[in-house]
Amino acid sequence: MPDERRGTVVSGVSVRALADLAPGSRATVVEVVPDAAPGTARRLGALGFTPGTVVEVVRRAPLRDPAVYRVRDYEVCLRRAQAACVRTTGVER
């Protein structure tokens, strides 16, 4: 059963792309998608987007791209295409 906003359900848990979360939402990183470009996956990992990390959507630009995310103890700005490579679960508002 798919989630109402482009998410999927894996083993009974709703999984959504980081790019699809609304500002103010918090979620836990599940993975960086395996088919992401190697450079993008490496950069996201180096920035702290690793499994188990809690990420908060701080704000978006007026046209939704880019967006600012709080990960660990700092804020990082990502384009929508990069944020779409990060899968999350446990979304809270």
PDB file of N, CA and C in Angstrom:
ATOM      1  N   MET A   1       0.845  -1.181   0.000  1.00  0.00           N
ATOM      2  CA  MET A   1       0.000   0.000   0.000  1.00  0.00           C
ATOM      3  C   MET A   1       0.888   1.240   0.000  1.00  0.00           C
ATOM      4  N   PRO A   2       0.882   2.046  -1.066  1.00  0.00           N
ATOM      5  CA  PRO A   2       1.729   3.232  -1.126  1.00  0.00           C
ATOM      6  C   PRO A   2       1.225   4.360  -0.240  1.00  0.00           C
ATOM      7  N   ASP A   3       2.160   5.169   0.228  1.00  0.00           N
ATOM      8  CA  ASP A   3       1.838   6.339   1.038  1.00  0.00           C
ATOM      9  C   ASP A   3       1.198   7.379   0.129  1.00  0.00           C
ATOM     10  N   GLU A   4       0.392   8.285   0.704  1.00  0.00           N
ATOM     11  CA  GLU A   4      -0.317   9.263  -0.112  1.00  0.00           C
ATOM     12  C   GLU A   4       0.592  10.287  -0.772  1.00  0.00           C
ATOM     13  N   ARG A   5       1.834  10.435  -0.353  1.00  0.00           N
ATOM     14  CA  ARG A   5       2.711  11.449  -0.951  1.00  0.00           C
ATOM     15  C   ARG A   5       4.000  10.820  -1.464  1.00  0.00           C
ATOM     16  N   ARG A   6       3.896   9.996  -2.476  1.00  0.00           N
ATOM     17  CA  ARG A   6       5.045   9.403  -3.160  1.00  0.00           C
ATOM     18  C   ARG A   6       5.914   8.515  -2.286  1.00  0.00           C
ATOM     19  N   GLY A   7       5.427   8.072  -1.173  1.00  0.00           N
ATOM     20  CA  GLY A   7       6.199   7.183  -0.315  1.00  0.00           C
ATOM     21  C   GLY A   7       5.919   5.740  -0.670  1.00  0.00           C
ATOM     22  N   THR A   8       6.666   4.872  -0.069  1.00  0.00           N
ATOM     23  CA  THR A   8       6.418   3.448  -0.231  1.00  0.00           C
ATOM     24  C   THR A   8       6.374   2.819   1.152  1.00  0.00           C
ATOM     25  N   VAL A   9       5.848   1.626   1.219  1.00  0.00           N
ATOM     26  CA  VAL A   9       5.797   0.909   2.481  1.00  0.00           C
ATOM     27  C   VAL A   9       6.695  -0.303   2.351  1.00  0.00           C
ATOM     28  N   VAL A  10       7.699  -0.399   3.227  1.00  0.00           N
ATOM     29  CA  VAL A  10       8.629  -1.513   3.214  1.00  0.00           C
ATOM     30  C   VAL A  10       8.567  -2.172   4.587  1.00  0.00           C
ATOM     31  N   SER A  11       8.206  -3.437   4.617  1.00  0.00           N
ATOM     32  CA  SER A  11       8.079  -4.193   5.873  1.00  0.00           C
ATOM     33  C   SER A  11       7.179  -3.476   6.882  1.00  0.00           C
ATOM     34  N   GLY A  12       6.084  -2.893   6.397  1.00  0.00           N
ATOM     35  CA  GLY A  12       5.137  -2.231   7.274  1.00  0.00           C
ATOM     36  C   GLY A  12       5.532  -0.828   7.712  1.00  0.00           C
ATOM     37  N   VAL A  13       6.662  -0.317   7.211  1.00  0.00           N
ATOM     38  CA  VAL A  13       7.141   1.013   7.586  1.00  0.00           C
ATOM     39  C   VAL A  13       7.092   1.928   6.363  1.00  0.00           C
ATOM     40  N   SER A  14       6.525   3.111   6.510  1.00  0.00           N
ATOM     41  CA  SER A  14       6.446   4.076   5.417  1.00  0.00           C
ATOM     42  C   SER A  14       7.812   4.710   5.175  1.00  0.00           C
ATOM     43  N   VAL A  15       8.280   4.657   3.938  1.00  0.00           N
ATOM     44  CA  VAL A  15       9.576   5.221   3.566  1.00  0.00           C
ATOM     45  C   VAL A  15       9.333   6.303   2.522  1.00  0.00           C
ATOM     46  N   ARG A  16       9.901   7.509   2.767  1.00  0.00           N
ATOM     47  CA  ARG A  16       9.712   8.636   1.855  1.00  0.00           C
ATOM     48  C   ARG A  16      11.043   9.290   1.543  1.00  0.00           C
ATOM     49  N   ALA A  17      11.098   9.912   0.385  1.00  0.00           N
ATOM     50  CA  ALA A  17      12.294  10.655   0.002  1.00  0.00           C
ATOM     51  C   ALA A  17      12.385  11.929   0.835  1.00  0.00           C
ATOM     52  N   LEU A  18      13.588  12.314   1.191  1.00  0.00           N
ATOM     53  CA  LEU A  18      13.814  13.540   1.953  1.00  0.00           C
ATOM     54  C   LEU A  18      13.250  14.746   1.210  1.00  0.00           C
ATOM     55  N   ALA A  19      13.322  14.737  -0.099  1.00  0.00           N
ATOM     56  CA  ALA A  19      12.836  15.857  -0.911  1.00  0.00           C
ATOM     57  C   ALA A  19      11.330  16.059  -0.787  1.00  0.00           C
ATOM     58  N   ASP A  20      10.587  15.030  -0.380  1.00  0.00           N
ATOM     59  CA  ASP A  20       9.126  15.118  -0.295  1.00  0.00           C
ATOM     60  C   ASP A  20       8.607  15.571   1.065  1.00  0.00           C
ATOM     61  N   LEU A  21       9.491  15.789   2.026  1.00  0.00           N
ATOM     62  CA  LEU A  21       9.056  16.189   3.364  1.00  0.00           C
ATOM     63  C   LEU A  21       8.780  17.688   3.414  1.00  0.00           C
ATOM     64  N   ALA A  22       7.817  18.066   4.223  1.00  0.00           N
ATOM     65  CA  ALA A  22       7.442  19.472   4.374  1.00  0.00           C
ATOM     66  C   ALA A  22       8.376  20.168   5.372  1.00  0.00           C
ATOM     67  N   PRO A  23       8.552  21.478   5.227  1.00  0.00           N
ATOM     68  CA  PRO A  23       9.350  22.224   6.206  1.00  0.00           C
ATOM     69  C   PRO A  23       8.804  22.015   7.620  1.00  0.00           C
ATOM     70  N   GLY A  24       9.711  21.828   8.572  1.00  0.00           N
ATOM     71  CA  GLY A  24       9.339  21.567   9.951  1.00  0.00           C
ATOM     72  C   GLY A  24       9.285  20.087  10.276  1.00  0.00           C
ATOM     73  N   SER A  25       9.315  19.232   9.265  1.00  0.00           N
ATOM     74  CA  SER A  25       9.270  17.784   9.479  1.00  0.00           C
ATOM     75  C   SER A  25      10.622  17.253   9.928  1.00  0.00           C
ATOM     76  N   ARG A  26      10.574  16.205  10.747  1.00  0.00           N
ATOM     77  CA  ARG A  26      11.781  15.494  11.169  1.00  0.00           C
ATOM     78  C   ARG A  26      11.611  14.032  10.784  1.00  0.00           C
ATOM     79  N   ALA A  27      12.690  13.405  10.344  1.00  0.00           N
ATOM     80  CA  ALA A  27      12.638  12.000   9.948  1.00  0.00           C
ATOM     81  C   ALA A  27      14.006  11.370  10.180  1.00  0.00           C
ATOM     82  N   THR A  28      14.042  10.050  10.132  1.00  0.00           N
ATOM     83  CA  THR A  28      15.286   9.304  10.307  1.00  0.00           C
ATOM     84  C   THR A  28      15.724   8.746   8.967  1.00  0.00           C
ATOM     85  N   VAL A  29      16.994   8.914   8.639  1.00  0.00           N
ATOM     86  CA  VAL A  29      17.544   8.411   7.381  1.00  0.00           C
ATOM     87  C   VAL A  29      17.566   6.886   7.417  1.00  0.00           C
ATOM     88  N   VAL A  30      17.060   6.280   6.348  1.00  0.00           N
ATOM     89  CA  VAL A  30      17.089   4.831   6.190  1.00  0.00           C
ATOM     90  C   VAL A  30      18.258   4.430   5.298  1.00  0.00           C
ATOM     91  N   GLU A  31      18.408   5.141   4.161  1.00  0.00           N
ATOM     92  CA  GLU A  31      19.466   4.825   3.205  1.00  0.00           C
ATOM     93  C   GLU A  31      19.622   5.940   2.192  1.00  0.00           C
ATOM     94  N   VAL A  32      20.745   5.903   1.495  1.00  0.00           N
ATOM     95  CA  VAL A  32      20.929   6.672   0.272  1.00  0.00           C
ATOM     96  C   VAL A  32      20.667   5.655  -0.830  1.00  0.00           C
ATOM     97  N   VAL A  33      19.797   5.977  -1.767  1.00  0.00           N
ATOM     98  CA  VAL A  33      19.370   4.990  -2.762  1.00  0.00           C
ATOM     99  C   VAL A  33      20.560   4.376  -3.485  1.00  0.00           C
ATOM    100  N   PRO A  34      20.528   3.078  -3.707  1.00  0.00           N
ATOM    101  CA  PRO A  34      21.653   2.378  -4.329  1.00  0.00           C
ATOM    102  C   PRO A  34      21.951   2.831  -5.760  1.00  0.00           C
ATOM    103  N   ASP A  35      20.942   3.329  -6.472  1.00  0.00           N
ATOM    104  CA  ASP A  35      21.185   3.737  -7.852  1.00  0.00           C
ATOM    105  C   ASP A  35      21.574   5.216  -7.995  1.00  0.00           C
ATOM    106  N   ALA A  36      21.882   5.887  -6.894  1.00  0.00           N
ATOM    107  CA  ALA A  36      22.358   7.277  -6.943  1.00  0.00           C
ATOM    108  C   ALA A  36      23.756   7.298  -7.563  1.00  0.00           C
ATOM    109  N   ALA A  37      24.090   8.403  -8.186  1.00  0.00           N
ATOM    110  CA  ALA A  37      25.438   8.543  -8.750  1.00  0.00           C
ATOM    111  C   ALA A  37      26.463   8.372  -7.633  1.00  0.00           C
ATOM    112  N   PRO A  38      27.568   7.662  -7.895  1.00  0.00           N
ATOM    113  CA  PRO A  38      28.561   7.410  -6.843  1.00  0.00           C
ATOM    114  C   PRO A  38      29.058   8.680  -6.152  1.00  0.00           C
ATOM    115  N   GLY A  39      29.269   9.740  -6.912  1.00  0.00           N
ATOM    116  CA  GLY A  39      29.731  10.997  -6.323  1.00  0.00           C
ATOM    117  C   GLY A  39      28.693  11.602  -5.391  1.00  0.00           C
ATOM    118  N   THR A  40      27.433  11.518  -5.793  1.00  0.00           N
ATOM    119  CA  THR A  40      26.354  12.049  -4.961  1.00  0.00           C
ATOM    120  C   THR A  40      26.215  11.239  -3.681  1.00  0.00           C
ATOM    121  N   ALA A  41      26.233   9.914  -3.803  1.00  0.00           N
ATOM    122  CA  ALA A  41      26.115   9.052  -2.622  1.00  0.00           C
ATOM    123  C   ALA A  41      27.275   9.289  -1.658  1.00  0.00           C
ATOM    124  N   ARG A  42      28.468   9.432  -2.172  1.00  0.00           N
ATOM    125  CA  ARG A  42      29.653   9.670  -1.335  1.00  0.00           C
ATOM    126  C   ARG A  42      29.533  11.018  -0.630  1.00  0.00           C
ATOM    127  N   ARG A  43      29.099  12.047  -1.351  1.00  0.00           N
ATOM    128  CA  ARG A  43      28.958  13.383  -0.763  1.00  0.00           C
ATOM    129  C   ARG A  43      27.897  13.395   0.324  1.00  0.00           C
ATOM    130  N   LEU A  44      26.750  12.767   0.073  1.00  0.00           N
ATOM    131  CA  LEU A  44      25.693  12.731   1.080  1.00  0.00           C
ATOM    132  C   LEU A  44      26.149  12.016   2.350  1.00  0.00           C
ATOM    133  N   GLY A  45      26.888  10.931   2.179  1.00  0.00           N
ATOM    134  CA  GLY A  45      27.430  10.229   3.341  1.00  0.00           C
ATOM    135  C   GLY A  45      28.414  11.092   4.113  1.00  0.00           C
ATOM    136  N   ALA A  46      29.264  11.813   3.394  1.00  0.00           N
ATOM    137  CA  ALA A  46      30.242  12.688   4.040  1.00  0.00           C
ATOM    138  C   ALA A  46      29.566  13.847   4.775  1.00  0.00           C
ATOM    139  N   LEU A  47      28.397  14.272   4.286  1.00  0.00           N
ATOM    140  CA  LEU A  47      27.657  15.348   4.931  1.00  0.00           C
ATOM    141  C   LEU A  47      26.878  14.869   6.156  1.00  0.00           C
ATOM    142  N   GLY A  48      26.827  13.555   6.373  1.00  0.00           N
ATOM    143  CA  GLY A  48      26.167  13.032   7.562  1.00  0.00           C
ATOM    144  C   GLY A  48      24.848  12.336   7.313  1.00  0.00           C
ATOM    145  N   PHE A  49      24.429  12.191   6.063  1.00  0.00           N
ATOM    146  CA  PHE A  49      23.178  11.504   5.751  1.00  0.00           C
ATOM    147  C   PHE A  49      23.426   9.999   5.741  1.00  0.00           C
ATOM    148  N   THR A  50      23.577   9.450   6.936  1.00  0.00           N
ATOM    149  CA  THR A  50      23.841   8.024   7.116  1.00  0.00           C
ATOM    150  C   THR A  50      22.668   7.391   7.853  1.00  0.00           C
ATOM    151  N   PRO A  51      22.452   6.075   7.692  1.00  0.00           N
ATOM    152  CA  PRO A  51      21.325   5.418   8.352  1.00  0.00           C
ATOM    153  C   PRO A  51      21.291   5.678   9.859  1.00  0.00           C
ATOM    154  N   GLY A  52      20.092   6.011  10.346  1.00  0.00           N
ATOM    155  CA  GLY A  52      19.899   6.277  11.770  1.00  0.00           C
ATOM    156  C   GLY A  52      19.998   7.738  12.155  1.00  0.00           C
ATOM    157  N   THR A  53      20.466   8.578  11.256  1.00  0.00           N
ATOM    158  CA  THR A  53      20.620  10.007  11.544  1.00  0.00           C
ATOM    159  C   THR A  53      19.269  10.713  11.424  1.00  0.00           C
ATOM    160  N   VAL A  54      18.951  11.575  12.381  1.00  0.00           N
ATOM    161  CA  VAL A  54      17.713  12.359  12.342  1.00  0.00           C
ATOM    162  C   VAL A  54      17.970  13.634  11.549  1.00  0.00           C
ATOM    163  N   VAL A  55      17.055  13.922  10.611  1.00  0.00           N
ATOM    164  CA  VAL A  55      17.164  15.096   9.741  1.00  0.00           C
ATOM    165  C   VAL A  55      15.895  15.928   9.886  1.00  0.00           C
ATOM    166  N   GLU A  56      16.055  17.247   9.910  1.00  0.00           N
ATOM    167  CA  GLU A  56      14.906  18.156   9.976  1.00  0.00           C
ATOM    168  C   GLU A  56      14.925  19.057   8.750  1.00  0.00           C
ATOM    169  N   VAL A  57      13.754  19.256   8.150  1.00  0.00           N
ATOM    170  CA  VAL A  57      13.630  20.181   7.025  1.00  0.00           C
ATOM    171  C   VAL A  57      13.440  21.572   7.627  1.00  0.00           C
ATOM    172  N   VAL A  58      14.412  22.455   7.429  1.00  0.00           N
ATOM    173  CA  VAL A  58      14.364  23.788   8.034  1.00  0.00           C
ATOM    174  C   VAL A  58      13.524  24.735   7.187  1.00  0.00           C
ATOM    175  N   ARG A  59      13.852  24.874   5.911  1.00  0.00           N
ATOM    176  CA  ARG A  59      13.099  25.768   5.018  1.00  0.00           C
ATOM    177  C   ARG A  59      13.410  25.435   3.565  1.00  0.00           C
ATOM    178  N   ARG A  60      12.538  25.918   2.692  1.00  0.00           N
ATOM    179  CA  ARG A  60      12.714  25.744   1.252  1.00  0.00           C
ATOM    180  C   ARG A  60      12.741  27.110   0.582  1.00  0.00           C
ATOM    181  N   ALA A  61      13.390  27.167  -0.561  1.00  0.00           N
ATOM    182  CA  ALA A  61      13.354  28.373  -1.384  1.00  0.00           C
ATOM    183  C   ALA A  61      11.928  28.533  -1.929  1.00  0.00           C
ATOM    184  N   PRO A  62      11.545  29.711  -2.374  1.00  0.00           N
ATOM    185  CA  PRO A  62      10.176  29.934  -2.861  1.00  0.00           C
ATOM    186  C   PRO A  62       9.722  28.953  -3.946  1.00  0.00           C
ATOM    187  N   LEU A  63      10.617  28.504  -4.789  1.00  0.00           N
ATOM    188  CA  LEU A  63      10.241  27.553  -5.837  1.00  0.00           C
ATOM    189  C   LEU A  63      10.577  26.115  -5.457  1.00  0.00           C
ATOM    190  N   ARG A  64      10.755  25.844  -4.158  1.00  0.00           N
ATOM    191  CA  ARG A  64      11.009  24.523  -3.566  1.00  0.00           C
ATOM    192  C   ARG A  64      12.411  23.977  -3.809  1.00  0.00           C
ATOM    193  N   ASP A  65      13.273  24.718  -4.449  1.00  0.00           N
ATOM    194  CA  ASP A  65      14.606  24.205  -4.729  1.00  0.00           C
ATOM    195  C   ASP A  65      15.604  25.349  -4.671  1.00  0.00           C
ATOM    196  N   PRO A  66      16.610  25.295  -3.846  1.00  0.00           N
ATOM    197  CA  PRO A  66      17.025  24.234  -2.932  1.00  0.00           C
ATOM    198  C   PRO A  66      16.290  24.316  -1.593  1.00  0.00           C
ATOM    199  N   ALA A  67      16.660  23.410  -0.694  1.00  0.00           N
ATOM    200  CA  ALA A  67      16.094  23.377   0.656  1.00  0.00           C
ATOM    201  C   ALA A  67      17.222  23.264   1.669  1.00  0.00           C
ATOM    202  N   VAL A  68      16.953  23.735   2.885  1.00  0.00           N
ATOM    203  CA  VAL A  68      17.939  23.670   3.964  1.00  0.00           C
ATOM    204  C   VAL A  68      17.494  22.583   4.940  1.00  0.00           C
ATOM    205  N   TYR A  69      18.449  21.705   5.282  1.00  0.00           N
ATOM    206  CA  TYR A  69      18.187  20.592   6.203  1.00  0.00           C
ATOM    207  C   TYR A  69      19.128  20.699   7.393  1.00  0.00           C
ATOM    208  N   ARG A  70      18.620  20.360   8.583  1.00  0.00           N
ATOM    209  CA  ARG A  70      19.463  20.297   9.775  1.00  0.00           C
ATOM    210  C   ARG A  70      19.798  18.826  10.000  1.00  0.00           C
ATOM    211  N   VAL A  71      21.080  18.516   9.927  1.00  0.00           N
ATOM    212  CA  VAL A  71      21.546  17.149  10.111  1.00  0.00           C
ATOM    213  C   VAL A  71      22.690  17.190  11.104  1.00  0.00           C
ATOM    214  N   ARG A  72      22.608  16.330  12.105  1.00  0.00           N
ATOM    215  CA  ARG A  72      23.567  16.328  13.221  1.00  0.00           C
ATOM    216  C   ARG A  72      23.555  17.703  13.881  1.00  0.00           C
ATOM    217  N   ASP A  73      24.636  18.460  13.871  1.00  0.00           N
ATOM    218  CA  ASP A  73      24.642  19.763  14.547  1.00  0.00           C
ATOM    219  C   ASP A  73      24.873  20.936  13.599  1.00  0.00           C
ATOM    220  N   TYR A  74      24.518  20.776  12.324  1.00  0.00           N
ATOM    221  CA  TYR A  74      24.688  21.871  11.366  1.00  0.00           C
ATOM    222  C   TYR A  74      23.588  21.840  10.317  1.00  0.00           C
ATOM    223  N   GLU A  75      23.534  22.899   9.512  1.00  0.00           N
ATOM    224  CA  GLU A  75      22.550  22.984   8.438  1.00  0.00           C
ATOM    225  C   GLU A  75      23.251  22.867   7.098  1.00  0.00           C
ATOM    226  N   VAL A  76      22.604  22.190   6.172  1.00  0.00           N
ATOM    227  CA  VAL A  76      23.161  21.976   4.842  1.00  0.00           C
ATOM    228  C   VAL A  76      22.063  22.244   3.813  1.00  0.00           C
ATOM    229  N   CYS A  77      22.448  22.823   2.689  1.00  0.00           N
ATOM    230  CA  CYS A  77      21.515  23.143   1.615  1.00  0.00           C
ATOM    231  C   CYS A  77      21.702  22.114   0.496  1.00  0.00           C
ATOM    232  N   LEU A  78      20.603  21.485   0.079  1.00  0.00           N
ATOM    233  CA  LEU A  78      20.655  20.486  -0.992  1.00  0.00           C
ATOM    234  C   LEU A  78      19.638  20.816  -2.074  1.00  0.00           C
ATOM    235  N   ARG A  79      19.989  20.486  -3.300  1.00  0.00           N
ATOM    236  CA  ARG A  79      19.034  20.562  -4.401  1.00  0.00           C
ATOM    237  C   ARG A  79      18.042  19.421  -4.248  1.00  0.00           C
ATOM    238  N   ARG A  80      16.884  19.578  -4.847  1.00  0.00           N
ATOM    239  CA  ARG A  80      15.831  18.562  -4.768  1.00  0.00           C
ATOM    240  C   ARG A  80      16.313  17.208  -5.309  1.00  0.00           C
ATOM    241  N   ALA A  81      17.076  17.205  -6.388  1.00  0.00           N
ATOM    242  CA  ALA A  81      17.566  15.951  -6.972  1.00  0.00           C
ATOM    243  C   ALA A  81      18.479  15.207  -6.000  1.00  0.00           C
ATOM    244  N   GLN A  82      19.293  15.929  -5.248  1.00  0.00           N
ATOM    245  CA  GLN A  82      20.160  15.288  -4.256  1.00  0.00           C
ATOM    246  C   GLN A  82      19.345  14.760  -3.087  1.00  0.00           C
ATOM    247  N   ALA A  83      18.390  15.555  -2.598  1.00  0.00           N
ATOM    248  CA  ALA A  83      17.564  15.150  -1.462  1.00  0.00           C
ATOM    249  C   ALA A  83      16.670  13.958  -1.820  1.00  0.00           C
ATOM    250  N   ALA A  84      16.331  13.812  -3.085  1.00  0.00           N
ATOM    251  CA  ALA A  84      15.508  12.682  -3.524  1.00  0.00           C
ATOM    252  C   ALA A  84      16.262  11.358  -3.397  1.00  0.00           C
ATOM    253  N   CYS A  85      17.561  11.395  -3.283  1.00  0.00           N
ATOM    254  CA  CYS A  85      18.379  10.184  -3.139  1.00  0.00           C
ATOM    255  C   CYS A  85      18.406   9.660  -1.705  1.00  0.00           C
ATOM    256  N   VAL A  86      17.888  10.437  -0.757  1.00  0.00           N
ATOM    257  CA  VAL A  86      17.902  10.040   0.654  1.00  0.00           C
ATOM    258  C   VAL A  86      16.516   9.538   1.040  1.00  0.00           C
ATOM    259  N   ARG A  87      16.412   8.301   1.501  1.00  0.00           N
ATOM    260  CA  ARG A  87      15.151   7.709   1.933  1.00  0.00           C
ATOM    261  C   ARG A  87      15.045   7.831   3.456  1.00  0.00           C
ATOM    262  N   THR A  88      13.844   8.218   3.921  1.00  0.00           N
ATOM    263  CA  THR A  88      13.644   8.449   5.357  1.00  0.00           C
ATOM    264  C   THR A  88      12.409   7.703   5.853  1.00  0.00           C
ATOM    265  N   THR A  89      12.296   7.600   7.160  1.00  0.00           N
ATOM    266  CA  THR A  89      11.129   6.997   7.799  1.00  0.00           C
ATOM    267  C   THR A  89      10.873   7.711   9.123  1.00  0.00           C
ATOM    268  N   GLY A  90       9.724   7.445   9.713  1.00  0.00           N
ATOM    269  CA  GLY A  90       9.409   8.030  11.010  1.00  0.00           C
ATOM    270  C   GLY A  90       9.190   9.520  10.943  1.00  0.00           C
ATOM    271  N   VAL A  91       8.462   9.991   9.945  1.00  0.00           N
ATOM    272  CA  VAL A  91       8.256  11.417   9.750  1.00  0.00           C
ATOM    273  C   VAL A  91       7.387  11.990  10.860  1.00  0.00           C
ATOM    274  N   GLU A  92       7.867  13.082  11.468  1.00  0.00           N
ATOM    275  CA  GLU A  92       7.136  13.798  12.520  1.00  0.00           C
ATOM    276  C   GLU A  92       7.006  15.254  12.115  1.00  0.00           C
ATOM    277  N   ARG A  93       5.943  15.886  12.560  1.00  0.00           N
ATOM    278  CA  ARG A  93       5.779  17.338  12.347  1.00  0.00           C
ATOM    279  C   ARG A  93       5.919  18.047  13.657  1.00  0.00           C
TER     280      ARG A  93
END
